[in-house]
Amino acid sequence: MAKYMVLGNYNAQGAAGVIAQGGTARVNAIKALCKQIGGKLESCYFSFGEYDIVAVIEAPDNVAMTAASLAVGASGLVSMKTVVLLSPKEMDEAAAKVPGYKAPGA
């Protein structure tokens, strides 16, 4: 399964929902969403600073993760940034396949 880091920010209404229901309820909602797309929540933390919440999610593929992102985005309560994560093995495989490239003007 593919892994994704999701960075989220709650708007005022979303933050009010966290205040009313607590962080555990939000994490449980994320777990349920992940299960619906055939994935799982690996870890989830609330933060302050640039992002309000950070999660690492395993999903079957980009299509499944996009479906989850669409569902969350359609709520209008949180904005998300999703980062595809690669394992060291995947990076090794990519490094072994690096094609030759000459930059323009080089």
N, C-alpha and C. Protein backbone atom coordinates (compact mmCIF):
# COMPACT_ATOMS: atom_id res chain seq x y z
N MET A 1 0.84 -1.19 0.00
CA MET A 1 0.00 0.00 0.00
C MET A 1 0.88 1.24 0.00
N ALA A 2 0.36 2.28 -0.57
CA ALA A 2 1.05 3.57 -0.62
C ALA A 2 0.84 4.32 0.69
N LYS A 3 1.80 5.17 1.03
CA LYS A 3 1.69 5.98 2.25
C LYS A 3 1.64 7.45 1.88
N TYR A 4 0.86 8.18 2.67
CA TYR A 4 0.66 9.60 2.43
C TYR A 4 0.73 10.35 3.75
N MET A 5 1.36 11.51 3.73
CA MET A 5 1.31 12.41 4.88
C MET A 5 0.29 13.48 4.54
N VAL A 6 -0.68 13.63 5.41
CA VAL A 6 -1.73 14.62 5.20
C VAL A 6 -1.55 15.72 6.24
N LEU A 7 -1.46 16.94 5.75
CA LEU A 7 -1.30 18.11 6.60
C LEU A 7 -2.58 18.92 6.48
N GLY A 8 -3.22 19.20 7.60
CA GLY A 8 -4.52 19.86 7.53
C GLY A 8 -4.64 21.09 8.41
N ASN A 9 -5.53 21.97 7.99
CA ASN A 9 -5.87 23.16 8.76
C ASN A 9 -7.38 23.26 8.86
N TYR A 10 -7.86 23.42 10.09
CA TYR A 10 -9.29 23.59 10.32
C TYR A 10 -9.67 25.05 10.10
N ASN A 11 -10.86 25.26 9.52
CA ASN A 11 -11.39 26.62 9.51
C ASN A 11 -12.09 26.82 10.86
N ALA A 12 -12.74 27.95 11.06
CA ALA A 12 -13.35 28.25 12.36
C ALA A 12 -14.38 27.20 12.76
N GLN A 13 -15.21 26.79 11.81
CA GLN A 13 -16.24 25.79 12.11
C GLN A 13 -15.61 24.43 12.42
N GLY A 14 -14.57 24.07 11.70
CA GLY A 14 -13.87 22.81 11.95
C GLY A 14 -13.21 22.81 13.32
N ALA A 15 -12.58 23.92 13.70
CA ALA A 15 -11.96 24.03 15.01
C ALA A 15 -13.01 23.95 16.11
N ALA A 16 -14.17 24.55 15.87
CA ALA A 16 -15.26 24.46 16.85
C ALA A 16 -15.72 23.01 17.03
N GLY A 17 -15.70 22.24 15.95
CA GLY A 17 -16.06 20.82 16.04
C GLY A 17 -15.06 20.04 16.87
N VAL A 18 -13.77 20.36 16.73
CA VAL A 18 -12.74 19.70 17.54
C VAL A 18 -12.94 20.07 19.02
N ILE A 19 -13.23 21.35 19.28
CA ILE A 19 -13.47 21.78 20.65
C ILE A 19 -14.67 21.04 21.24
N ALA A 20 -15.73 20.91 20.46
CA ALA A 20 -16.96 20.29 20.96
C ALA A 20 -16.82 18.78 21.14
N GLN A 21 -16.13 18.11 20.21
CA GLN A 21 -16.08 16.65 20.23
C GLN A 21 -14.75 16.09 20.73
N GLY A 22 -13.72 16.89 20.73
CA GLY A 22 -12.41 16.43 21.18
C GLY A 22 -11.60 15.81 20.07
N GLY A 23 -10.31 15.66 20.33
CA GLY A 23 -9.39 15.11 19.34
C GLY A 23 -9.61 13.64 19.05
N THR A 24 -9.96 12.86 20.05
CA THR A 24 -10.17 11.42 19.84
C THR A 24 -11.29 11.16 18.85
N ALA A 25 -12.34 11.95 18.91
CA ALA A 25 -13.45 11.79 17.96
C ALA A 25 -12.99 12.07 16.54
N ARG A 26 -12.12 13.06 16.35
CA ARG A 26 -11.60 13.37 15.02
C ARG A 26 -10.73 12.23 14.51
N VAL A 27 -9.87 11.70 15.38
CA VAL A 27 -9.01 10.60 14.96
C VAL A 27 -9.87 9.38 14.60
N ASN A 28 -10.90 9.12 15.36
CA ASN A 28 -11.79 8.00 15.05
C ASN A 28 -12.50 8.20 13.71
N ALA A 29 -12.85 9.45 13.40
CA ALA A 29 -13.48 9.74 12.10
C ALA A 29 -12.49 9.50 10.96
N ILE A 30 -11.23 9.86 11.17
CA ILE A 30 -10.20 9.63 10.15
C ILE A 30 -9.98 8.13 9.96
N LYS A 31 -9.94 7.38 11.07
CA LYS A 31 -9.80 5.92 10.98
C LYS A 31 -10.94 5.32 10.17
N ALA A 32 -12.16 5.77 10.42
CA ALA A 32 -13.32 5.26 9.69
C ALA A 32 -13.22 5.59 8.20
N LEU A 33 -12.80 6.80 7.87
CA LEU A 33 -12.62 7.19 6.48
C LEU A 33 -11.58 6.31 5.80
N CYS A 34 -10.47 6.09 6.49
CA CYS A 34 -9.41 5.24 5.92
C CYS A 34 -9.91 3.83 5.66
N LYS A 35 -10.68 3.29 6.58
CA LYS A 35 -11.23 1.94 6.41
C LYS A 35 -12.14 1.88 5.19
N GLN A 36 -12.93 2.94 4.96
CA GLN A 36 -13.84 2.97 3.81
C GLN A 36 -13.11 2.91 2.48
N ILE A 37 -11.89 3.44 2.43
CA ILE A 37 -11.13 3.42 1.17
C ILE A 37 -10.18 2.23 1.10
N GLY A 38 -10.27 1.33 2.08
CA GLY A 38 -9.41 0.16 2.07
C GLY A 38 -8.04 0.41 2.63
N GLY A 39 -7.88 1.47 3.40
CA GLY A 39 -6.60 1.82 3.97
C GLY A 39 -6.63 1.79 5.48
N LYS A 40 -5.63 2.46 6.08
CA LYS A 40 -5.62 2.57 7.53
C LYS A 40 -4.83 3.80 7.95
N LEU A 41 -5.19 4.30 9.11
CA LEU A 41 -4.49 5.43 9.69
C LEU A 41 -3.29 4.89 10.45
N GLU A 42 -2.09 5.29 10.05
CA GLU A 42 -0.88 4.83 10.72
C GLU A 42 -0.58 5.66 11.95
N SER A 43 -0.69 6.99 11.83
CA SER A 43 -0.48 7.86 12.97
C SER A 43 -1.19 9.19 12.73
N CYS A 44 -1.50 9.87 13.83
CA CYS A 44 -2.19 11.15 13.71
C CYS A 44 -1.83 12.00 14.92
N TYR A 45 -1.48 13.24 14.65
CA TYR A 45 -1.11 14.17 15.72
C TYR A 45 -1.74 15.52 15.44
N PHE A 46 -2.14 16.18 16.50
CA PHE A 46 -2.57 17.56 16.40
C PHE A 46 -1.35 18.42 16.65
N SER A 47 -1.31 19.58 16.02
CA SER A 47 -0.13 20.42 16.13
C SER A 47 -0.56 21.88 16.14
N PHE A 48 0.38 22.73 16.43
CA PHE A 48 0.13 24.16 16.30
C PHE A 48 1.30 24.74 15.54
N GLY A 49 1.04 25.82 14.88
CA GLY A 49 2.03 26.39 13.96
C GLY A 49 1.42 26.40 12.58
N GLU A 50 2.15 25.91 11.60
CA GLU A 50 1.67 25.98 10.21
C GLU A 50 0.46 25.06 9.96
N TYR A 51 0.40 23.92 10.64
CA TYR A 51 -0.70 22.96 10.43
C TYR A 51 -1.36 22.61 11.76
N ASP A 52 -2.65 22.29 11.68
CA ASP A 52 -3.43 21.91 12.87
C ASP A 52 -3.40 20.41 13.13
N ILE A 53 -3.23 19.63 12.08
CA ILE A 53 -3.26 18.18 12.21
C ILE A 53 -2.33 17.56 11.17
N VAL A 54 -1.65 16.50 11.57
CA VAL A 54 -0.74 15.78 10.68
C VAL A 54 -1.06 14.30 10.82
N ALA A 55 -1.28 13.64 9.69
CA ALA A 55 -1.61 12.21 9.72
C ALA A 55 -0.78 11.48 8.67
N VAL A 56 -0.44 10.24 8.98
CA VAL A 56 0.17 9.35 8.00
C VAL A 56 -0.84 8.25 7.73
N ILE A 57 -1.20 8.12 6.47
CA ILE A 57 -2.26 7.21 6.05
C ILE A 57 -1.73 6.22 5.03
N GLU A 58 -2.10 4.96 5.17
CA GLU A 58 -1.83 3.96 4.14
C GLU A 58 -3.11 3.80 3.33
N ALA A 59 -2.98 3.86 2.02
CA ALA A 59 -4.12 3.69 1.13
C ALA A 59 -3.70 2.78 -0.02
N PRO A 60 -4.66 2.10 -0.62
CA PRO A 60 -4.32 1.18 -1.70
C PRO A 60 -3.62 1.84 -2.88
N ASP A 61 -4.00 3.09 -3.19
CA ASP A 61 -3.44 3.76 -4.36
C ASP A 61 -3.84 5.23 -4.36
N ASN A 62 -3.36 5.95 -5.36
CA ASN A 62 -3.67 7.38 -5.48
C ASN A 62 -5.15 7.65 -5.67
N VAL A 63 -5.84 6.77 -6.37
CA VAL A 63 -7.27 6.96 -6.61
C VAL A 63 -8.03 6.91 -5.28
N ALA A 64 -7.72 5.93 -4.45
CA ALA A 64 -8.39 5.81 -3.16
C ALA A 64 -8.10 7.03 -2.29
N MET A 65 -6.85 7.47 -2.28
CA MET A 65 -6.50 8.63 -1.46
C MET A 65 -7.15 9.89 -1.99
N THR A 66 -7.25 10.01 -3.30
CA THR A 66 -7.93 11.17 -3.88
C THR A 66 -9.40 11.17 -3.50
N ALA A 67 -10.03 10.01 -3.49
CA ALA A 67 -11.44 9.91 -3.08
C ALA A 67 -11.61 10.40 -1.65
N ALA A 68 -10.71 9.99 -0.76
CA ALA A 68 -10.78 10.44 0.63
C ALA A 68 -10.57 11.94 0.72
N SER A 69 -9.61 12.46 -0.03
CA SER A 69 -9.34 13.90 -0.03
C SER A 69 -10.54 14.69 -0.53
N LEU A 70 -11.20 14.18 -1.55
CA LEU A 70 -12.40 14.84 -2.06
C LEU A 70 -13.50 14.89 -1.00
N ALA A 71 -13.67 13.78 -0.30
CA ALA A 71 -14.70 13.73 0.75
C ALA A 71 -14.42 14.75 1.84
N VAL A 72 -13.18 14.81 2.28
CA VAL A 72 -12.81 15.76 3.34
C VAL A 72 -12.92 17.20 2.83
N GLY A 73 -12.41 17.44 1.65
CA GLY A 73 -12.46 18.78 1.08
C GLY A 73 -13.89 19.27 0.88
N ALA A 74 -14.78 18.38 0.49
CA ALA A 74 -16.17 18.76 0.26
C ALA A 74 -16.88 19.18 1.55
N SER A 75 -16.34 18.76 2.70
CA SER A 75 -16.95 19.17 3.97
C SER A 75 -16.78 20.66 4.19
N GLY A 76 -15.73 21.24 3.62
CA GLY A 76 -15.47 22.66 3.79
C GLY A 76 -14.91 23.03 5.16
N LEU A 77 -14.65 22.04 6.01
CA LEU A 77 -14.21 22.32 7.38
C LEU A 77 -12.71 22.25 7.58
N VAL A 78 -12.02 21.64 6.63
CA VAL A 78 -10.58 21.50 6.74
C VAL A 78 -9.95 21.59 5.35
N SER A 79 -8.82 22.27 5.27
CA SER A 79 -8.07 22.28 4.02
C SER A 79 -6.88 21.36 4.22
N MET A 80 -6.52 20.64 3.17
CA MET A 80 -5.49 19.61 3.28
C MET A 80 -4.41 19.77 2.24
N LYS A 81 -3.24 19.31 2.61
CA LYS A 81 -2.13 19.15 1.68
C LYS A 81 -1.69 17.71 1.84
N THR A 82 -1.59 16.98 0.74
CA THR A 82 -1.22 15.57 0.79
C THR A 82 0.15 15.38 0.14
N VAL A 83 1.02 14.67 0.84
CA VAL A 83 2.37 14.41 0.37
C VAL A 83 2.53 12.90 0.22
N VAL A 84 2.91 12.45 -0.97
CA VAL A 84 3.17 11.02 -1.18
C VAL A 84 4.50 10.68 -0.51
N LEU A 85 4.50 9.60 0.27
CA LEU A 85 5.72 9.17 0.97
C LEU A 85 6.30 7.94 0.29
N LEU A 86 7.61 7.89 0.18
CA LEU A 86 8.30 6.75 -0.41
C LEU A 86 9.15 6.07 0.65
N SER A 87 9.17 4.76 0.62
CA SER A 87 10.03 4.00 1.53
C SER A 87 11.47 4.07 1.04
N PRO A 88 12.43 3.74 1.89
CA PRO A 88 13.82 3.70 1.42
C PRO A 88 13.99 2.74 0.24
N LYS A 89 13.28 1.62 0.25
CA LYS A 89 13.37 0.67 -0.85
C LYS A 89 12.86 1.29 -2.15
N GLU A 90 11.74 2.01 -2.06
CA GLU A 90 11.20 2.66 -3.26
C GLU A 90 12.18 3.71 -3.79
N MET A 91 12.84 4.43 -2.88
CA MET A 91 13.82 5.42 -3.31
C MET A 91 15.01 4.75 -3.97
N ASP A 92 15.43 3.60 -3.44
CA ASP A 92 16.51 2.83 -4.07
C ASP A 92 16.13 2.43 -5.49
N GLU A 93 14.88 1.96 -5.65
CA GLU A 93 14.41 1.56 -6.98
C GLU A 93 14.37 2.75 -7.93
N ALA A 94 13.93 3.90 -7.44
CA ALA A 94 13.89 5.11 -8.27
C ALA A 94 15.29 5.53 -8.66
N ALA A 95 16.22 5.49 -7.70
CA ALA A 95 17.59 5.90 -7.97
C ALA A 95 18.23 5.01 -9.03
N ALA A 96 17.86 3.72 -9.03
CA ALA A 96 18.42 2.80 -10.01
C ALA A 96 17.86 3.04 -11.41
N LYS A 97 16.76 3.78 -11.51
CA LYS A 97 16.12 4.03 -12.80
C LYS A 97 16.30 5.46 -13.31
N VAL A 98 17.15 6.23 -12.64
CA VAL A 98 17.31 7.64 -13.04
C VAL A 98 17.84 7.69 -14.47
N PRO A 99 17.09 8.35 -15.36
CA PRO A 99 17.54 8.44 -16.76
C PRO A 99 18.58 9.54 -16.93
N GLY A 100 19.29 9.49 -18.02
CA GLY A 100 20.22 10.55 -18.34
C GLY A 100 19.43 11.82 -18.67
N TYR A 101 19.95 12.96 -18.27
CA TYR A 101 19.25 14.21 -18.52
C TYR A 101 20.26 15.32 -18.64
N LYS A 102 20.05 16.16 -19.64
CA LYS A 102 20.89 17.34 -19.82
C LYS A 102 19.99 18.56 -19.73
N ALA A 103 20.28 19.41 -18.78
CA ALA A 103 19.47 20.62 -18.58
C ALA A 103 19.63 21.57 -19.75
N PRO A 104 18.60 22.34 -20.06
CA PRO A 104 18.72 23.33 -21.14
C PRO A 104 19.87 24.29 -20.85
N GLY A 105 20.69 24.53 -21.84
CA GLY A 105 21.80 25.45 -21.70
C GLY A 105 23.02 24.88 -21.00
N ALA A 106 22.94 23.62 -20.60
CA ALA A 106 24.08 23.01 -19.89
C ALA A 106 25.08 22.40 -20.86
